[in-house]
Amino acid sequence: MEHQDLISAWRLLAELLLSPAERDAGRMKTLREAIDDKYAGIVYGIDLFMGDPDCQSESEYLQTLELSPPVPLYLGSHLFDEPSTCNGIGSGARNPYLLELSGIYQHFGLDLGGCEMPDFLPVMLEFLAISLEQREKDTIGLRRRFIERCFLPGIEGMEKAMVKYESPYLVLLPSIQAAAVEDLSRMGDTPAWQPEGEMESTVRLPIIEGTTA
């Protein structure tokens, strides 16, 4: 399959960000073997992570990413302030972001069925694999919009939180960013979709090679 290497990278990254108890060792090995070592920016952090005992610790995962976590796995939490009151929950700045993610997922046939939030990082990584398998559905630049507007800015925010917390999971983020740059480069000069009349994004985009603002 065309782009199978990158599809495997997205799926492996999604698997690695599940709790250690949920990871499938056989699947991870198969996915890693499908990624060419020439993509050093992608595989370097993955290999470090897979060889680090701290990254196989359920306790480390829970303390870092799940139980009142210092580094939530929900990218929206790194992009938007949490509402300070119960009344603000339904109208918070994160809500339009979640709705946009849900709409993009539905376009590619991904239905979460209410089981997980759309901005849960493993879900977003799995979506990048699913949507790359269905490139024929991306006729207006939705994947570029997703990566540039919805994904990379959140990864940048998560990286800052992991640096502050000194999380061992930090080694995965350069691999995620490198995979995103590779994905964008394979899109050529296809512009990101922008709804008519949309104002300039209030989410600051990271300045990295291969993206456009």
C-alpha atoms as a PDB file:
ATOM      1  CA  MET A   1       0.000   0.000   0.000  1.00  0.00           C
ATOM      2  CA  GLU A   2       1.234   3.480  -0.866  1.00  0.00           C
ATOM      3  CA  HIS A   3       2.390   5.433   2.216  1.00  0.00           C
ATOM      4  CA  GLN A   4       2.304   2.255   4.312  1.00  0.00           C
ATOM      5  CA  ASP A   5       5.490   3.366   6.076  1.00  0.00           C
ATOM      6  CA  LEU A   6       3.893   6.581   7.315  1.00  0.00           C
ATOM      7  CA  ILE A   7       0.591   4.850   8.120  1.00  0.00           C
ATOM      8  CA  SER A   8       2.571   2.398  10.263  1.00  0.00           C
ATOM      9  CA  ALA A   9       4.382   5.265  11.988  1.00  0.00           C
ATOM     10  CA  TRP A  10       1.110   6.975  12.922  1.00  0.00           C
ATOM     11  CA  ARG A  11      -0.342   3.714  14.218  1.00  0.00           C
ATOM     12  CA  LEU A  12       2.768   2.851  16.221  1.00  0.00           C
ATOM     13  CA  LEU A  13       2.815   6.291  17.829  1.00  0.00           C
ATOM     14  CA  ALA A  14      -0.861   5.887  18.744  1.00  0.00           C
ATOM     15  CA  GLU A  15      -0.138   2.475  20.295  1.00  0.00           C
ATOM     16  CA  LEU A  16       2.803   3.807  22.312  1.00  0.00           C
ATOM     17  CA  LEU A  17       0.620   6.500  23.861  1.00  0.00           C
ATOM     18  CA  LEU A  18      -1.869   3.986  25.222  1.00  0.00           C
ATOM     19  CA  SER A  19      -1.326   2.752  28.744  1.00  0.00           C
ATOM     20  CA  PRO A  20       1.356   0.032  28.952  1.00  0.00           C
ATOM     21  CA  ALA A  21      -1.314  -2.507  29.934  1.00  0.00           C
ATOM     22  CA  GLU A  22      -3.195  -1.869  26.656  1.00  0.00           C
ATOM     23  CA  ARG A  23      -0.233  -1.976  24.272  1.00  0.00           C
ATOM     24  CA  ASP A  24       0.114  -4.942  21.952  1.00  0.00           C
ATOM     25  CA  ALA A  25       3.801  -5.935  21.834  1.00  0.00           C
ATOM     26  CA  GLY A  26       3.390  -8.019  18.672  1.00  0.00           C
ATOM     27  CA  ARG A  27       1.600  -5.234  16.847  1.00  0.00           C
ATOM     28  CA  MET A  28       4.226  -2.702  17.917  1.00  0.00           C
ATOM     29  CA  LYS A  29       7.024  -4.926  16.596  1.00  0.00           C
ATOM     30  CA  THR A  30       5.262  -5.376  13.242  1.00  0.00           C
ATOM     31  CA  LEU A  31       4.580  -1.660  12.896  1.00  0.00           C
ATOM     32  CA  ARG A  32       8.148  -0.715  13.791  1.00  0.00           C
ATOM     33  CA  GLU A  33       9.519  -3.132  11.177  1.00  0.00           C
ATOM     34  CA  ALA A  34       7.378  -1.411   8.536  1.00  0.00           C
ATOM     35  CA  ILE A  35       9.078   1.972   9.100  1.00  0.00           C
ATOM     36  CA  ASP A  36      12.288   2.487   7.133  1.00  0.00           C
ATOM     37  CA  ASP A  37      15.252   3.518   9.289  1.00  0.00           C
ATOM     38  CA  LYS A  38      16.029   6.259   6.775  1.00  0.00           C
ATOM     39  CA  TYR A  39      13.310   8.297   8.515  1.00  0.00           C
ATOM     40  CA  ALA A  40      15.672   8.983  11.404  1.00  0.00           C
ATOM     41  CA  GLY A  41      13.627  11.868  12.763  1.00  0.00           C
ATOM     42  CA  ILE A  42      10.658   9.557  13.208  1.00  0.00           C
ATOM     43  CA  VAL A  43      12.287   6.365  14.429  1.00  0.00           C
ATOM     44  CA  TYR A  44      14.925   7.804  16.767  1.00  0.00           C
ATOM     45  CA  GLY A  45      12.483   8.845  19.501  1.00  0.00           C
ATOM     46  CA  ILE A  46      10.361   5.737  18.978  1.00  0.00           C
ATOM     47  CA  ASP A  47      13.361   3.457  19.518  1.00  0.00           C
ATOM     48  CA  LEU A  48      14.456   5.389  22.615  1.00  0.00           C
ATOM     49  CA  PHE A  49      10.953   5.141  24.015  1.00  0.00           C
ATOM     50  CA  MET A  50      10.563   1.441  23.336  1.00  0.00           C
ATOM     51  CA  GLY A  51      13.864   0.743  25.084  1.00  0.00           C
ATOM     52  CA  ASP A  52      13.185   2.855  28.191  1.00  0.00           C
ATOM     53  CA  PRO A  53      11.812   0.901  31.210  1.00  0.00           C
ATOM     54  CA  ASP A  54      10.186   4.078  32.577  1.00  0.00           C
ATOM     55  CA  CYS A  55       8.028   4.213  29.443  1.00  0.00           C
ATOM     56  CA  GLN A  56       6.778   0.688  30.149  1.00  0.00           C
ATOM     57  CA  SER A  57       5.702   1.621  33.694  1.00  0.00           C
ATOM     58  CA  GLU A  58       1.960   1.727  34.339  1.00  0.00           C
ATOM     59  CA  SER A  59       2.605   3.928  37.371  1.00  0.00           C
ATOM     60  CA  GLU A  60       4.551   6.473  35.306  1.00  0.00           C
ATOM     61  CA  TYR A  61       1.770   6.547  32.709  1.00  0.00           C
ATOM     62  CA  LEU A  62      -0.953   7.090  35.295  1.00  0.00           C
ATOM     63  CA  GLN A  63       0.926   9.799  37.183  1.00  0.00           C
ATOM     64  CA  THR A  64       1.987  11.673  34.053  1.00  0.00           C
ATOM     65  CA  LEU A  65      -0.957  11.334  31.690  1.00  0.00           C
ATOM     66  CA  GLU A  66      -4.104  10.116  33.463  1.00  0.00           C
ATOM     67  CA  LEU A  67      -4.740  10.858  37.166  1.00  0.00           C
ATOM     68  CA  SER A  68      -5.122  14.654  37.491  1.00  0.00           C
ATOM     69  CA  PRO A  69      -2.247  14.677  35.038  1.00  0.00           C
ATOM     70  CA  PRO A  70       0.402  17.379  34.714  1.00  0.00           C
ATOM     71  CA  VAL A  71       0.482  16.494  30.997  1.00  0.00           C
ATOM     72  CA  PRO A  72      -3.020  15.611  29.760  1.00  0.00           C
ATOM     73  CA  LEU A  73      -3.272  13.529  26.603  1.00  0.00           C
ATOM     74  CA  TYR A  74      -6.053  15.817  25.363  1.00  0.00           C
ATOM     75  CA  LEU A  75      -4.545  18.372  23.002  1.00  0.00           C
ATOM     76  CA  GLY A  76      -7.336  20.881  23.583  1.00  0.00           C
ATOM     77  CA  SER A  77      -6.209  21.225  27.178  1.00  0.00           C
ATOM     78  CA  HIS A  78      -2.860  22.545  25.882  1.00  0.00           C
ATOM     79  CA  LEU A  79      -4.542  25.021  23.535  1.00  0.00           C
ATOM     80  CA  PHE A  80      -7.390  26.483  25.568  1.00  0.00           C
ATOM     81  CA  ASP A  81      -7.903  27.544  29.161  1.00  0.00           C
ATOM     82  CA  GLU A  82     -10.355  25.421  31.107  1.00  0.00           C
ATOM     83  CA  PRO A  83     -13.647  27.185  32.036  1.00  0.00           C
ATOM     84  CA  SER A  84     -13.523  28.621  35.543  1.00  0.00           C
ATOM     85  CA  THR A  85     -17.221  27.950  36.209  1.00  0.00           C
ATOM     86  CA  CYS A  86     -19.697  25.160  35.468  1.00  0.00           C
ATOM     87  CA  ASN A  87     -21.681  27.568  33.296  1.00  0.00           C
ATOM     88  CA  GLY A  88     -18.637  28.063  31.097  1.00  0.00           C
ATOM     89  CA  ILE A  89     -18.201  24.392  30.253  1.00  0.00           C
ATOM     90  CA  GLY A  90     -20.791  24.403  27.470  1.00  0.00           C
ATOM     91  CA  SER A  91     -19.457  27.567  25.835  1.00  0.00           C
ATOM     92  CA  GLY A  92     -15.699  27.213  26.353  1.00  0.00           C
ATOM     93  CA  ALA A  93     -13.203  27.954  23.595  1.00  0.00           C
ATOM     94  CA  ARG A  94     -12.358  24.259  23.380  1.00  0.00           C
ATOM     95  CA  ASN A  95     -15.861  23.297  22.240  1.00  0.00           C
ATOM     96  CA  PRO A  96     -15.601  24.600  18.632  1.00  0.00           C
ATOM     97  CA  TYR A  97     -12.253  22.833  18.380  1.00  0.00           C
ATOM     98  CA  LEU A  98     -13.806  19.521  19.444  1.00  0.00           C
ATOM     99  CA  LEU A  99     -16.686  20.018  17.021  1.00  0.00           C
ATOM    100  CA  GLU A 100     -14.296  20.685  14.158  1.00  0.00           C
ATOM    101  CA  LEU A 101     -12.339  17.534  14.972  1.00  0.00           C
ATOM    102  CA  SER A 102     -15.556  15.496  15.065  1.00  0.00           C
ATOM    103  CA  GLY A 103     -16.625  16.889  11.699  1.00  0.00           C
ATOM    104  CA  ILE A 104     -13.288  16.029  10.088  1.00  0.00           C
ATOM    105  CA  TYR A 105     -13.417  12.516  11.546  1.00  0.00           C
ATOM    106  CA  GLN A 106     -16.919  11.964  10.204  1.00  0.00           C
ATOM    107  CA  HIS A 107     -15.784  13.009   6.727  1.00  0.00           C
ATOM    108  CA  PHE A 108     -13.337  10.087   6.762  1.00  0.00           C
ATOM    109  CA  GLY A 109     -15.789   7.663   8.385  1.00  0.00           C
ATOM    110  CA  LEU A 110     -14.296   7.655  11.893  1.00  0.00           C
ATOM    111  CA  ASP A 111     -17.044   7.430  14.515  1.00  0.00           C
ATOM    112  CA  LEU A 112     -15.873   7.523  18.130  1.00  0.00           C
ATOM    113  CA  GLY A 113     -19.302   6.545  19.378  1.00  0.00           C
ATOM    114  CA  GLY A 114     -18.947   8.701  22.466  1.00  0.00           C
ATOM    115  CA  CYS A 115     -16.202   6.405  23.793  1.00  0.00           C
ATOM    116  CA  GLU A 116     -13.446   9.015  23.760  1.00  0.00           C
ATOM    117  CA  MET A 117     -12.951  12.755  23.291  1.00  0.00           C
ATOM    118  CA  PRO A 118     -11.937  13.811  19.770  1.00  0.00           C
ATOM    119  CA  ASP A 119      -8.766  15.519  21.015  1.00  0.00           C
ATOM    120  CA  PHE A 120      -7.400  12.416  22.787  1.00  0.00           C
ATOM    121  CA  LEU A 121      -3.931  12.132  21.255  1.00  0.00           C
ATOM    122  CA  PRO A 122      -3.996   8.382  20.428  1.00  0.00           C
ATOM    123  CA  VAL A 123      -7.314   8.970  18.609  1.00  0.00           C
ATOM    124  CA  MET A 124      -5.800  11.843  16.619  1.00  0.00           C
ATOM    125  CA  LEU A 125      -2.780   9.726  15.667  1.00  0.00           C
ATOM    126  CA  GLU A 126      -4.979   6.818  14.595  1.00  0.00           C
ATOM    127  CA  PHE A 127      -7.076   9.235  12.547  1.00  0.00           C
ATOM    128  CA  LEU A 128      -3.968  10.373  10.677  1.00  0.00           C
ATOM    129  CA  ALA A 129      -3.389   6.736   9.685  1.00  0.00           C
ATOM    130  CA  ILE A 130      -7.043   6.146   8.716  1.00  0.00           C
ATOM    131  CA  SER A 131      -7.288   9.339   6.671  1.00  0.00           C
ATOM    132  CA  LEU A 132      -3.980   8.623   4.898  1.00  0.00           C
ATOM    133  CA  GLU A 133      -5.439   5.273   3.843  1.00  0.00           C
ATOM    134  CA  GLN A 134      -8.404   7.194   2.390  1.00  0.00           C
ATOM    135  CA  ARG A 135      -6.603  10.037   0.626  1.00  0.00           C
ATOM    136  CA  GLU A 136      -9.193   9.958  -2.154  1.00  0.00           C
ATOM    137  CA  LYS A 137     -11.676  11.530   0.283  1.00  0.00           C
ATOM    138  CA  ASP A 138      -9.400  14.501   0.906  1.00  0.00           C
ATOM    139  CA  THR A 139     -10.278  16.691  -2.056  1.00  0.00           C
ATOM    140  CA  ILE A 140     -10.235  20.061  -0.244  1.00  0.00           C
ATOM    141  CA  GLY A 141      -7.169  19.890   2.018  1.00  0.00           C
ATOM    142  CA  LEU A 142      -8.802  18.675   5.229  1.00  0.00           C
ATOM    143  CA  ARG A 143      -5.781  16.643   6.328  1.00  0.00           C
ATOM    144  CA  ARG A 144      -3.461  19.629   5.923  1.00  0.00           C
ATOM    145  CA  ARG A 145      -5.882  21.765   7.937  1.00  0.00           C
ATOM    146  CA  PHE A 146      -6.076  19.079  10.596  1.00  0.00           C
ATOM    147  CA  ILE A 147      -2.294  18.796  10.939  1.00  0.00           C
ATOM    148  CA  GLU A 148      -1.509  22.494  10.747  1.00  0.00           C
ATOM    149  CA  ARG A 149      -4.401  23.961  12.754  1.00  0.00           C
ATOM    150  CA  CYS A 150      -5.647  21.249  15.077  1.00  0.00           C
ATOM    151  CA  PHE A 151      -2.694  18.968  15.688  1.00  0.00           C
ATOM    152  CA  LEU A 152       0.761  20.563  15.646  1.00  0.00           C
ATOM    153  CA  PRO A 153      -0.134  23.565  17.838  1.00  0.00           C
ATOM    154  CA  GLY A 154      -1.406  21.161  20.503  1.00  0.00           C
ATOM    155  CA  ILE A 155       1.743  19.035  20.255  1.00  0.00           C
ATOM    156  CA  GLU A 156       3.789  22.189  20.785  1.00  0.00           C
ATOM    157  CA  GLY A 157       1.810  22.950  23.954  1.00  0.00           C
ATOM    158  CA  MET A 158       2.137  19.383  25.201  1.00  0.00           C
ATOM    159  CA  GLU A 159       5.886  19.509  24.608  1.00  0.00           C
ATOM    160  CA  LYS A 160       6.217  22.543  26.877  1.00  0.00           C
ATOM    161  CA  ALA A 161       4.296  20.730  29.624  1.00  0.00           C
ATOM    162  CA  MET A 162       6.442  17.596  29.282  1.00  0.00           C
ATOM    163  CA  VAL A 163       9.674  19.607  29.415  1.00  0.00           C
ATOM    164  CA  LYS A 164       8.486  21.275  32.618  1.00  0.00           C
ATOM    165  CA  TYR A 165       7.495  17.942  34.161  1.00  0.00           C
ATOM    166  CA  GLU A 166      10.584  16.129  32.825  1.00  0.00           C
ATOM    167  CA  SER A 167       8.397  13.366  31.421  1.00  0.00           C
ATOM    168  CA  PRO A 168      10.048  10.335  29.772  1.00  0.00           C
ATOM    169  CA  TYR A 169       7.255  10.544  27.185  1.00  0.00           C
ATOM    170  CA  LEU A 170       8.914  13.686  25.830  1.00  0.00           C
ATOM    171  CA  VAL A 171      11.099  11.592  23.487  1.00  0.00           C
ATOM    172  CA  LEU A 172       8.021  10.686  21.412  1.00  0.00           C
ATOM    173  CA  LEU A 173       7.076  14.254  20.540  1.00  0.00           C
ATOM    174  CA  PRO A 174       9.932  14.934  18.081  1.00  0.00           C
ATOM    175  CA  SER A 175       8.952  11.688  16.338  1.00  0.00           C
ATOM    176  CA  ILE A 176       5.351  12.893  16.111  1.00  0.00           C
ATOM    177  CA  GLN A 177       6.468  16.260  14.745  1.00  0.00           C
ATOM    178  CA  ALA A 178       8.807  14.614  12.233  1.00  0.00           C
ATOM    179  CA  ALA A 179       5.993  12.336  11.038  1.00  0.00           C
ATOM    180  CA  ALA A 180       3.751  15.383  10.609  1.00  0.00           C
ATOM    181  CA  VAL A 181       6.379  17.208   8.552  1.00  0.00           C
ATOM    182  CA  GLU A 182       6.850  14.098   6.383  1.00  0.00           C
ATOM    183  CA  ASP A 183       3.073  13.800   5.952  1.00  0.00           C
ATOM    184  CA  LEU A 184       2.770  17.450   4.924  1.00  0.00           C
ATOM    185  CA  SER A 185       5.646  17.125   2.470  1.00  0.00           C
ATOM    186  CA  ARG A 186       3.831  14.271   0.698  1.00  0.00           C
ATOM    187  CA  MET A 187       0.802  16.521   0.144  1.00  0.00           C
ATOM    188  CA  GLY A 188       2.769  18.726  -2.236  1.00  0.00           C
ATOM    189  CA  ASP A 189       1.427  22.263  -2.502  1.00  0.00           C
ATOM    190  CA  THR A 190      -2.206  21.411  -1.730  1.00  0.00           C
ATOM    191  CA  PRO A 191      -3.498  24.261   0.471  1.00  0.00           C
ATOM    192  CA  ALA A 192      -5.355  23.693   3.709  1.00  0.00           C
ATOM    193  CA  TRP A 193      -9.124  24.012   3.576  1.00  0.00           C
ATOM    194  CA  GLN A 194     -10.467  27.230   5.056  1.00  0.00           C
ATOM    195  CA  PRO A 195     -14.194  27.949   5.415  1.00  0.00           C
ATOM    196  CA  GLU A 196     -15.376  31.039   3.572  1.00  0.00           C
ATOM    197  CA  GLY A 197     -15.196  34.079   5.821  1.00  0.00           C
ATOM    198  CA  GLU A 198     -13.126  32.382   8.491  1.00  0.00           C
ATOM    199  CA  MET A 199     -10.992  34.817  10.440  1.00  0.00           C
ATOM    200  CA  GLU A 200      -7.294  34.201  10.984  1.00  0.00           C
ATOM    201  CA  SER A 201      -6.777  31.430  13.507  1.00  0.00           C
ATOM    202  CA  THR A 202      -6.324  32.474  17.122  1.00  0.00           C
ATOM    203  CA  VAL A 203      -4.263  29.317  17.674  1.00  0.00           C
ATOM    204  CA  ARG A 204      -0.587  30.096  17.091  1.00  0.00           C
ATOM    205  CA  LEU A 205       0.911  27.671  14.603  1.00  0.00           C
ATOM    206  CA  PRO A 206       4.408  26.321  15.176  1.00  0.00           C
ATOM    207  CA  ILE A 207       6.993  27.544  12.712  1.00  0.00           C
ATOM    208  CA  ILE A 208       8.490  24.360  11.318  1.00  0.00           C
ATOM    209  CA  GLU A 209       9.649  23.379   7.885  1.00  0.00           C
ATOM    210  CA  GLY A 210       6.870  21.934   5.789  1.00  0.00           C
ATOM    211  CA  THR A 211       3.938  23.896   7.250  1.00  0.00           C
ATOM    212  CA  THR A 212       2.156  27.015   6.141  1.00  0.00           C
ATOM    213  CA  ALA A 213       0.338  29.480   8.358  1.00  0.00           C
END
